[in-house]
């Protein structure tokens, strides 16, 4: 996990047609995991549609990456 040794902050945001959000996590010490997850619920019951694309942006150290999440066909 050498690539995360200098990481002090992780920022991410997401956007769907139903909602959007963002979060910042600070790390006084380098993280010892290379996967990050979040969870939550919607008070109003908003759901991501079956064919919807979730746009994600992640920033850490001197890096910035954007990508899209899609449901994988079964």
C-alpha atoms as a PDB file:
ATOM      1  CA  UNK A   1       0.000   0.000   0.000  1.00  0.00           C
ATOM      2  CA  UNK A   2       2.920   2.256  -0.713  1.00  0.00           C
ATOM      3  CA  UNK A   3       0.708   4.343  -3.031  1.00  0.00           C
ATOM      4  CA  UNK A   4      -1.447   5.382  -0.033  1.00  0.00           C
ATOM      5  CA  UNK A   5       1.424   6.154   2.354  1.00  0.00           C
ATOM      6  CA  UNK A   6       1.245   9.905   1.708  1.00  0.00           C
ATOM      7  CA  UNK A   7      -2.562  10.135   1.756  1.00  0.00           C
ATOM      8  CA  UNK A   8      -3.876  12.479   4.432  1.00  0.00           C
ATOM      9  CA  UNK A   9      -7.343  13.136   3.011  1.00  0.00           C
ATOM     10  CA  UNK A  10      -9.867  11.318   0.821  1.00  0.00           C
ATOM     11  CA  UNK A  11     -12.686  13.264  -0.799  1.00  0.00           C
ATOM     12  CA  UNK A  12     -15.434  11.837  -2.945  1.00  0.00           C
ATOM     13  CA  UNK A  13     -18.737  12.875  -4.396  1.00  0.00           C
ATOM     14  CA  UNK A  14     -21.485  11.110  -6.321  1.00  0.00           C
ATOM     15  CA  UNK A  15     -24.487  12.122  -8.348  1.00  0.00           C
ATOM     16  CA  UNK A  16     -27.613  10.300  -9.486  1.00  0.00           C
ATOM     17  CA  UNK A  17     -30.916  11.574 -10.801  1.00  0.00           C
ATOM     18  CA  UNK A  18     -32.435  10.913  -7.348  1.00  0.00           C
ATOM     19  CA  UNK A  19     -29.701  12.312  -5.099  1.00  0.00           C
ATOM     20  CA  UNK A  20     -26.122  13.423  -4.666  1.00  0.00           C
ATOM     21  CA  UNK A  21     -23.655  13.618  -1.836  1.00  0.00           C
ATOM     22  CA  UNK A  22     -20.052  14.008  -0.807  1.00  0.00           C
ATOM     23  CA  UNK A  23     -17.756  13.066   2.024  1.00  0.00           C
ATOM     24  CA  UNK A  24     -14.263  13.942   3.228  1.00  0.00           C
ATOM     25  CA  UNK A  25     -12.213  11.647   5.424  1.00  0.00           C
ATOM     26  CA  UNK A  26      -9.005  12.802   7.141  1.00  0.00           C
ATOM     27  CA  UNK A  27      -6.181  10.408   7.967  1.00  0.00           C
ATOM     28  CA  UNK A  28      -3.660  11.500  10.623  1.00  0.00           C
ATOM     29  CA  UNK A  29      -1.865   8.214   9.821  1.00  0.00           C
ATOM     30  CA  UNK A  30      -1.853   6.518   6.401  1.00  0.00           C
ATOM     31  CA  UNK A  31      -4.820   4.188   5.923  1.00  0.00           C
ATOM     32  CA  UNK A  32      -4.077   0.472   6.179  1.00  0.00           C
ATOM     33  CA  UNK A  33      -6.847  -0.553   3.762  1.00  0.00           C
ATOM     34  CA  UNK A  34      -6.926   0.133   0.034  1.00  0.00           C
ATOM     35  CA  UNK A  35     -10.697  -0.116  -0.301  1.00  0.00           C
ATOM     36  CA  UNK A  36     -13.182   2.365   1.064  1.00  0.00           C
ATOM     37  CA  UNK A  37     -16.912   2.050   1.416  1.00  0.00           C
ATOM     38  CA  UNK A  38     -19.793   4.116   2.577  1.00  0.00           C
ATOM     39  CA  UNK A  39     -23.385   3.385   3.343  1.00  0.00           C
ATOM     40  CA  UNK A  40     -26.463   5.293   4.114  1.00  0.00           C
ATOM     41  CA  UNK A  41     -30.135   5.407   3.628  1.00  0.00           C
ATOM     42  CA  UNK A  42     -32.640   7.733   2.195  1.00  0.00           C
ATOM     43  CA  UNK A  43     -35.257   9.165   4.501  1.00  0.00           C
ATOM     44  CA  UNK A  44     -37.651   9.595   1.573  1.00  0.00           C
ATOM     45  CA  UNK A  45     -36.960   6.194   0.042  1.00  0.00           C
ATOM     46  CA  UNK A  46     -35.231   7.485  -3.112  1.00  0.00           C
ATOM     47  CA  UNK A  47     -33.813   4.582  -5.114  1.00  0.00           C
ATOM     48  CA  UNK A  48     -31.290   4.430  -7.915  1.00  0.00           C
ATOM     49  CA  UNK A  49     -33.038   3.294 -11.089  1.00  0.00           C
ATOM     50  CA  UNK A  50     -32.154  -0.074 -12.637  1.00  0.00           C
ATOM     51  CA  UNK A  51     -30.439   1.415 -15.687  1.00  0.00           C
ATOM     52  CA  UNK A  52     -29.126   4.545 -14.005  1.00  0.00           C
ATOM     53  CA  UNK A  53     -25.498   5.618 -14.085  1.00  0.00           C
ATOM     54  CA  UNK A  54     -23.889   6.919 -10.882  1.00  0.00           C
ATOM     55  CA  UNK A  55     -21.223   9.555 -11.528  1.00  0.00           C
ATOM     56  CA  UNK A  56     -18.373   9.442  -8.994  1.00  0.00           C
ATOM     57  CA  UNK A  57     -15.399  11.744  -8.409  1.00  0.00           C
ATOM     58  CA  UNK A  58     -12.586  10.805  -6.006  1.00  0.00           C
ATOM     59  CA  UNK A  59      -9.652  12.971  -4.867  1.00  0.00           C
ATOM     60  CA  UNK A  60      -6.694  11.823  -2.784  1.00  0.00           C
ATOM     61  CA  UNK A  61      -3.145  13.130  -2.356  1.00  0.00           C
ATOM     62  CA  UNK A  62      -2.325  14.707  -5.750  1.00  0.00           C
ATOM     63  CA  UNK A  63      -4.761  12.479  -7.656  1.00  0.00           C
ATOM     64  CA  UNK A  64      -8.228  13.091  -9.042  1.00  0.00           C
ATOM     65  CA  UNK A  65     -10.308  10.427 -10.769  1.00  0.00           C
ATOM     66  CA  UNK A  66     -13.834  10.389 -12.163  1.00  0.00           C
ATOM     67  CA  UNK A  67     -15.767   7.320 -13.256  1.00  0.00           C
ATOM     68  CA  UNK A  68     -19.282   5.971 -13.707  1.00  0.00           C
ATOM     69  CA  UNK A  69     -20.908   3.045 -11.902  1.00  0.00           C
ATOM     70  CA  UNK A  70     -23.422   0.936 -13.789  1.00  0.00           C
ATOM     71  CA  UNK A  71     -25.475  -2.140 -12.912  1.00  0.00           C
ATOM     72  CA  UNK A  72     -23.853  -5.231 -14.334  1.00  0.00           C
ATOM     73  CA  UNK A  73     -26.222  -7.374 -16.398  1.00  0.00           C
ATOM     74  CA  UNK A  74     -26.937 -10.763 -14.815  1.00  0.00           C
END
